Amino acid sequence: MKKNNTSVSHQSHQRHLRLDSQRRLKKTIEFQRVFKARCSTADKYLVVYARPNQLAHSRVGISVGKRLGSAVRRNRYKRTLREAFRLLQPELPVGYDFVLIPRPVEKATTQIYRKSLLPMCRKLQRKCKI
């Protein structure tokens, strides 16, 4: 049986763009450090905080407040933001911790967040040199 080369290539590309536990902020103190750096930017979809992290990769944390709806809806925001960050990893600045806070929007999509996130992260890279 013959294997499809595109699926193998696609799988290796997906593995390369994984958002494993090393690339995520999980502890409260990690979030607090980013907030304490007071380096942020915002648009109508997101508020993004950043702080240099001295690592060879960037990490992401997502904070979704209860005002955005039920747990189901908040988790959808988180999944959508994580996917946008995962797909943008090769283009984002390296060596930063980012905390993403979504704003209420009618239909939040990965595409919307990708278009919003990339320019804001690049702006924060210029703004947040420590």
N, C-alpha and C. Protein backbone atom coordinates (compact mmCIF):
# COMPACT_ATOMS: atom_id res chain seq x y z
N MET A 1 0.84 -1.18 0.00
CA MET A 1 0.00 0.00 0.00
C MET A 1 0.89 1.24 0.00
N LYS A 2 0.52 2.22 -0.79
CA LYS A 2 1.30 3.43 -0.96
C LYS A 2 0.84 4.51 0.01
N LYS A 3 1.80 5.16 0.68
CA LYS A 3 1.48 6.23 1.63
C LYS A 3 1.38 7.56 0.89
N ASN A 4 0.53 8.40 1.39
CA ASN A 4 0.37 9.73 0.84
C ASN A 4 1.43 10.65 1.46
N ASN A 5 2.32 11.18 0.65
CA ASN A 5 3.42 12.02 1.15
C ASN A 5 2.94 13.32 1.76
N THR A 6 1.81 13.83 1.28
CA THR A 6 1.34 15.10 1.83
C THR A 6 0.90 14.95 3.27
N SER A 7 0.32 13.82 3.63
CA SER A 7 -0.11 13.65 5.02
C SER A 7 1.09 13.51 5.95
N VAL A 8 2.15 12.86 5.49
CA VAL A 8 3.36 12.74 6.31
C VAL A 8 3.98 14.12 6.50
N SER A 9 4.05 14.89 5.43
CA SER A 9 4.61 16.24 5.51
C SER A 9 3.75 17.11 6.43
N HIS A 10 2.44 16.98 6.28
CA HIS A 10 1.52 17.77 7.10
C HIS A 10 1.68 17.41 8.59
N GLN A 11 1.83 16.12 8.88
CA GLN A 11 1.99 15.69 10.26
C GLN A 11 3.28 16.23 10.87
N SER A 12 4.38 16.19 10.11
CA SER A 12 5.64 16.71 10.66
C SER A 12 5.56 18.22 10.85
N HIS A 13 4.86 18.90 9.95
CA HIS A 13 4.69 20.35 10.10
C HIS A 13 3.84 20.64 11.33
N GLN A 14 2.77 19.87 11.55
CA GLN A 14 1.93 20.07 12.72
C GLN A 14 2.72 19.81 14.00
N ARG A 15 3.56 18.77 14.00
CA ARG A 15 4.36 18.45 15.18
C ARG A 15 5.31 19.60 15.48
N HIS A 16 5.88 20.18 14.42
CA HIS A 16 6.80 21.31 14.58
C HIS A 16 6.10 22.50 15.25
N LEU A 17 4.83 22.67 14.99
CA LEU A 17 4.08 23.81 15.52
C LEU A 17 3.30 23.47 16.78
N ARG A 18 3.67 22.41 17.46
CA ARG A 18 2.96 22.03 18.68
C ARG A 18 3.07 23.12 19.74
N LEU A 19 2.06 23.20 20.53
CA LEU A 19 2.06 24.15 21.65
C LEU A 19 2.14 23.32 22.93
N ASP A 20 3.30 22.73 23.17
CA ASP A 20 3.46 21.84 24.31
C ASP A 20 3.54 22.63 25.62
N SER A 21 3.65 21.91 26.71
CA SER A 21 3.59 22.55 28.03
C SER A 21 4.74 23.54 28.26
N GLN A 22 5.86 23.38 27.59
CA GLN A 22 6.98 24.31 27.75
C GLN A 22 6.67 25.68 27.17
N ARG A 23 5.71 25.75 26.29
CA ARG A 23 5.37 27.00 25.61
C ARG A 23 4.12 27.66 26.17
N ARG A 24 3.72 27.22 27.37
CA ARG A 24 2.53 27.80 27.98
C ARG A 24 2.81 28.28 29.40
N LEU A 25 2.21 29.39 29.76
CA LEU A 25 2.28 29.89 31.13
C LEU A 25 1.16 29.20 31.90
N LYS A 26 1.50 28.64 33.06
CA LYS A 26 0.50 27.90 33.82
C LYS A 26 0.35 28.40 35.25
N LYS A 27 1.43 28.87 35.81
CA LYS A 27 1.41 29.26 37.22
C LYS A 27 1.02 30.72 37.39
N THR A 28 0.35 31.00 38.48
CA THR A 28 -0.10 32.36 38.79
C THR A 28 1.08 33.32 38.81
N ILE A 29 2.19 32.90 39.37
CA ILE A 29 3.36 33.79 39.46
C ILE A 29 3.90 34.15 38.08
N GLU A 30 3.79 33.24 37.11
CA GLU A 30 4.23 33.53 35.75
C GLU A 30 3.35 34.61 35.13
N PHE A 31 2.05 34.51 35.34
CA PHE A 31 1.13 35.55 34.86
C PHE A 31 1.41 36.88 35.56
N GLN A 32 1.62 36.83 36.86
CA GLN A 32 1.87 38.06 37.62
C GLN A 32 3.12 38.79 37.15
N ARG A 33 4.16 38.05 36.81
CA ARG A 33 5.40 38.67 36.31
C ARG A 33 5.14 39.43 35.02
N VAL A 34 4.34 38.83 34.14
CA VAL A 34 4.03 39.49 32.87
C VAL A 34 3.20 40.75 33.12
N PHE A 35 2.19 40.65 33.97
CA PHE A 35 1.36 41.83 34.27
C PHE A 35 2.18 42.92 34.95
N LYS A 36 3.10 42.52 35.83
CA LYS A 36 3.92 43.48 36.57
C LYS A 36 4.85 44.26 35.64
N ALA A 37 5.25 43.67 34.53
CA ALA A 37 6.12 44.36 33.56
C ALA A 37 5.42 45.56 32.93
N ARG A 38 4.10 45.58 32.99
CA ARG A 38 3.29 46.71 32.51
C ARG A 38 3.57 47.10 31.07
N CYS A 39 3.78 46.12 30.24
CA CYS A 39 4.01 46.36 28.82
C CYS A 39 2.86 45.70 28.05
N SER A 40 1.96 46.52 27.50
CA SER A 40 0.79 45.95 26.86
C SER A 40 0.36 46.78 25.66
N THR A 41 -0.48 46.17 24.88
CA THR A 41 -1.12 46.85 23.76
C THR A 41 -2.48 46.19 23.57
N ALA A 42 -3.37 46.87 22.85
CA ALA A 42 -4.72 46.34 22.70
C ALA A 42 -5.33 46.79 21.38
N ASP A 43 -6.32 46.04 20.95
CA ASP A 43 -7.18 46.44 19.83
C ASP A 43 -8.58 45.99 20.19
N LYS A 44 -9.49 45.99 19.22
CA LYS A 44 -10.87 45.66 19.56
C LYS A 44 -11.10 44.19 19.84
N TYR A 45 -10.12 43.33 19.55
CA TYR A 45 -10.27 41.90 19.78
C TYR A 45 -9.51 41.38 21.00
N LEU A 46 -8.36 41.99 21.30
CA LEU A 46 -7.45 41.45 22.30
C LEU A 46 -6.75 42.52 23.10
N VAL A 47 -6.34 42.14 24.30
CA VAL A 47 -5.34 42.88 25.07
C VAL A 47 -4.18 41.91 25.20
N VAL A 48 -2.97 42.37 24.88
CA VAL A 48 -1.79 41.51 24.95
C VAL A 48 -0.75 42.15 25.86
N TYR A 49 -0.31 41.40 26.84
CA TYR A 49 0.78 41.80 27.73
C TYR A 49 2.02 41.00 27.34
N ALA A 50 3.20 41.59 27.51
CA ALA A 50 4.43 40.89 27.15
C ALA A 50 5.54 41.18 28.15
N ARG A 51 6.47 40.24 28.22
CA ARG A 51 7.65 40.39 29.07
C ARG A 51 8.73 39.48 28.52
N PRO A 52 9.97 39.96 28.37
CA PRO A 52 11.06 39.08 27.93
C PRO A 52 11.24 37.93 28.92
N ASN A 53 11.58 36.73 28.40
CA ASN A 53 11.67 35.56 29.28
C ASN A 53 13.02 34.85 29.29
N GLN A 54 14.00 35.31 28.53
CA GLN A 54 15.35 34.73 28.52
C GLN A 54 15.38 33.29 28.02
N LEU A 55 14.35 32.85 27.31
CA LEU A 55 14.30 31.50 26.76
C LEU A 55 14.47 31.56 25.24
N ALA A 56 14.68 30.41 24.64
CA ALA A 56 14.85 30.35 23.19
C ALA A 56 13.52 30.25 22.46
N HIS A 57 12.43 30.39 23.20
CA HIS A 57 11.10 30.34 22.59
C HIS A 57 10.16 31.25 23.38
N SER A 58 9.05 31.56 22.75
CA SER A 58 8.03 32.37 23.42
C SER A 58 7.01 31.46 24.07
N ARG A 59 6.37 32.00 25.11
CA ARG A 59 5.33 31.25 25.81
C ARG A 59 4.06 32.09 25.83
N VAL A 60 2.94 31.41 26.00
CA VAL A 60 1.65 32.10 26.00
C VAL A 60 0.83 31.67 27.22
N GLY A 61 0.11 32.63 27.75
CA GLY A 61 -0.88 32.38 28.79
C GLY A 61 -2.16 33.09 28.35
N ILE A 62 -3.28 32.51 28.68
CA ILE A 62 -4.56 33.09 28.27
C ILE A 62 -5.43 33.29 29.50
N SER A 63 -5.97 34.49 29.62
CA SER A 63 -6.83 34.82 30.75
C SER A 63 -8.18 35.28 30.21
N VAL A 64 -9.22 34.52 30.52
CA VAL A 64 -10.56 34.84 30.03
C VAL A 64 -11.47 35.06 31.23
N GLY A 65 -11.96 36.27 31.37
CA GLY A 65 -12.82 36.61 32.50
C GLY A 65 -14.23 36.08 32.37
N LYS A 66 -14.90 35.98 33.49
CA LYS A 66 -16.26 35.45 33.52
C LYS A 66 -17.27 36.32 32.78
N ARG A 67 -16.92 37.58 32.58
CA ARG A 67 -17.85 38.47 31.88
C ARG A 67 -18.03 38.07 30.41
N LEU A 68 -17.16 37.19 29.90
CA LEU A 68 -17.28 36.75 28.52
C LEU A 68 -18.27 35.61 28.34
N GLY A 69 -18.84 35.13 29.42
CA GLY A 69 -19.89 34.14 29.27
C GLY A 69 -19.67 32.89 30.09
N SER A 70 -20.40 31.85 29.73
CA SER A 70 -20.34 30.58 30.44
C SER A 70 -18.99 29.92 30.25
N ALA A 71 -18.74 28.86 31.01
CA ALA A 71 -17.48 28.14 30.91
C ALA A 71 -17.27 27.59 29.50
N VAL A 72 -18.33 27.14 28.87
CA VAL A 72 -18.23 26.62 27.51
C VAL A 72 -17.74 27.71 26.56
N ARG A 73 -18.30 28.88 26.68
CA ARG A 73 -17.92 29.99 25.81
C ARG A 73 -16.48 30.46 26.11
N ARG A 74 -16.13 30.55 27.40
CA ARG A 74 -14.77 30.97 27.76
C ARG A 74 -13.74 29.97 27.24
N ASN A 75 -14.05 28.69 27.32
CA ASN A 75 -13.12 27.67 26.81
C ASN A 75 -12.98 27.76 25.30
N ARG A 76 -14.04 28.15 24.60
CA ARG A 76 -13.95 28.34 23.15
C ARG A 76 -12.98 29.48 22.82
N TYR A 77 -13.07 30.58 23.58
CA TYR A 77 -12.11 31.67 23.40
C TYR A 77 -10.68 31.15 23.59
N LYS A 78 -10.46 30.38 24.65
CA LYS A 78 -9.12 29.87 24.93
C LYS A 78 -8.61 28.97 23.81
N ARG A 79 -9.44 28.06 23.35
CA ARG A 79 -9.02 27.16 22.27
C ARG A 79 -8.68 27.93 21.01
N THR A 80 -9.51 28.92 20.69
CA THR A 80 -9.30 29.71 19.48
C THR A 80 -8.01 30.51 19.58
N LEU A 81 -7.75 31.13 20.73
CA LEU A 81 -6.52 31.90 20.92
C LEU A 81 -5.28 31.00 20.90
N ARG A 82 -5.35 29.84 21.56
CA ARG A 82 -4.22 28.91 21.54
C ARG A 82 -3.88 28.47 20.12
N GLU A 83 -4.92 28.19 19.33
CA GLU A 83 -4.70 27.77 17.95
C GLU A 83 -4.07 28.90 17.14
N ALA A 84 -4.53 30.12 17.32
CA ALA A 84 -3.94 31.26 16.60
C ALA A 84 -2.47 31.42 16.98
N PHE A 85 -2.16 31.33 18.26
CA PHE A 85 -0.78 31.45 18.71
C PHE A 85 0.07 30.31 18.15
N ARG A 86 -0.46 29.10 18.18
CA ARG A 86 0.27 27.93 17.69
C ARG A 86 0.63 28.10 16.22
N LEU A 87 -0.31 28.55 15.41
CA LEU A 87 -0.06 28.72 13.98
C LEU A 87 0.90 29.86 13.68
N LEU A 88 0.94 30.85 14.55
CA LEU A 88 1.81 32.02 14.33
C LEU A 88 3.22 31.86 14.92
N GLN A 89 3.48 30.80 15.64
CA GLN A 89 4.77 30.64 16.33
C GLN A 89 5.99 30.99 15.49
N PRO A 90 6.10 30.51 14.24
CA PRO A 90 7.31 30.83 13.46
C PRO A 90 7.48 32.32 13.17
N GLU A 91 6.38 33.08 13.18
CA GLU A 91 6.44 34.50 12.84
C GLU A 91 6.52 35.43 14.05
N LEU A 92 6.24 34.91 15.23
CA LEU A 92 6.22 35.74 16.44
C LEU A 92 7.62 35.98 16.98
N PRO A 93 7.81 37.08 17.70
CA PRO A 93 9.11 37.33 18.35
C PRO A 93 9.46 36.20 19.32
N VAL A 94 10.73 35.86 19.37
CA VAL A 94 11.21 34.77 20.22
C VAL A 94 11.71 35.35 21.54
N GLY A 95 11.49 34.61 22.64
CA GLY A 95 12.03 35.02 23.92
C GLY A 95 11.12 35.92 24.74
N TYR A 96 9.81 35.79 24.55
CA TYR A 96 8.85 36.60 25.29
C TYR A 96 7.76 35.72 25.90
N ASP A 97 7.24 36.17 27.02
CA ASP A 97 6.03 35.60 27.59
C ASP A 97 4.89 36.54 27.21
N PHE A 98 3.84 35.99 26.64
CA PHE A 98 2.68 36.77 26.26
C PHE A 98 1.47 36.30 27.06
N VAL A 99 0.68 37.25 27.55
CA VAL A 99 -0.61 36.92 28.15
C VAL A 99 -1.67 37.56 27.26
N LEU A 100 -2.60 36.75 26.80
CA LEU A 100 -3.65 37.19 25.90
C LEU A 100 -4.97 37.26 26.66
N ILE A 101 -5.65 38.38 26.52
CA ILE A 101 -6.95 38.56 27.16
C ILE A 101 -7.93 38.97 26.06
N PRO A 102 -8.85 38.06 25.71
CA PRO A 102 -9.81 38.40 24.65
C PRO A 102 -10.85 39.39 25.11
N ARG A 103 -11.30 40.19 24.18
CA ARG A 103 -12.41 41.10 24.44
C ARG A 103 -13.67 40.46 23.85
N PRO A 104 -14.83 40.84 24.36
CA PRO A 104 -16.05 40.22 23.83
C PRO A 104 -16.28 40.58 22.37
N VAL A 105 -16.41 39.56 21.53
CA VAL A 105 -16.75 39.75 20.12
C VAL A 105 -17.82 38.75 19.76
N GLU A 106 -18.61 39.09 18.76
CA GLU A 106 -19.72 38.24 18.37
C GLU A 106 -19.25 36.87 17.89
N LYS A 107 -18.31 36.85 16.98
CA LYS A 107 -17.83 35.58 16.43
C LYS A 107 -16.30 35.60 16.40
N ALA A 108 -15.68 35.06 17.45
CA ALA A 108 -14.22 35.02 17.53
C ALA A 108 -13.71 33.84 16.72
N THR A 109 -12.84 34.10 15.75
CA THR A 109 -12.28 33.03 14.93
C THR A 109 -10.77 33.06 15.02
N THR A 110 -10.17 31.94 14.68
CA THR A 110 -8.71 31.85 14.66
C THR A 110 -8.13 32.88 13.70
N GLN A 111 -8.77 33.05 12.55
CA GLN A 111 -8.28 34.00 11.54
C GLN A 111 -8.28 35.43 12.07
N ILE A 112 -9.32 35.82 12.77
CA ILE A 112 -9.39 37.16 13.34
C ILE A 112 -8.25 37.36 14.34
N TYR A 113 -8.06 36.38 15.21
CA TYR A 113 -7.01 36.50 16.22
C TYR A 113 -5.62 36.47 15.60
N ARG A 114 -5.42 35.71 14.55
CA ARG A 114 -4.10 35.70 13.88
C ARG A 114 -3.78 37.07 13.31
N LYS A 115 -4.74 37.69 12.65
CA LYS A 115 -4.53 39.02 12.06
C LYS A 115 -4.28 40.07 13.14
N SER A 116 -4.88 39.90 14.29
CA SER A 116 -4.74 40.85 15.38
C SER A 116 -3.45 40.63 16.17
N LEU A 117 -3.14 39.38 16.42
CA LEU A 117 -2.04 39.01 17.32
C LEU A 117 -0.66 39.33 16.76
N LEU A 118 -0.42 39.04 15.51
CA LEU A 118 0.93 39.22 14.94
C LEU A 118 1.43 40.66 15.02
N PRO A 119 0.68 41.66 14.53
CA PRO A 119 1.20 43.03 14.64
C PRO A 119 1.34 43.51 16.09
N MET A 120 0.46 43.06 16.97
CA MET A 120 0.56 43.49 18.36
C MET A 120 1.80 42.90 19.03
N CYS A 121 2.11 41.65 18.76
CA CYS A 121 3.31 41.04 19.35
C CYS A 121 4.58 41.69 18.82
N ARG A 122 4.59 42.03 17.55
CA ARG A 122 5.76 42.72 17.00
C ARG A 122 5.91 44.12 17.60
N LYS A 123 4.79 44.79 17.82
CA LYS A 123 4.83 46.11 18.45
C LYS A 123 5.37 46.00 19.87
N LEU A 124 4.92 44.97 20.59
CA LEU A 124 5.40 44.77 21.97
C LEU A 124 6.87 44.42 22.01
N GLN A 125 7.36 43.73 21.00
CA GLN A 125 8.79 43.41 20.94
C GLN A 125 9.61 44.69 20.90
N ARG A 126 9.18 45.66 20.13
CA ARG A 126 9.89 46.95 20.05
C ARG A 126 9.72 47.75 21.34
N LYS A 127 8.54 47.67 21.92
CA LYS A 127 8.18 48.48 23.09
C LYS A 127 8.75 47.94 24.41
N CYS A 128 8.90 46.63 24.53
CA CYS A 128 9.16 46.01 25.83
C CYS A 128 10.58 45.47 25.98
N LYS A 129 11.54 46.16 25.51
CA LYS A 129 12.94 45.73 25.68
C LYS A 129 13.37 46.02 27.11
N ILE A 130 13.80 44.97 27.79
CA ILE A 130 14.27 45.17 29.19
C ILE A 130 15.73 44.77 29.25
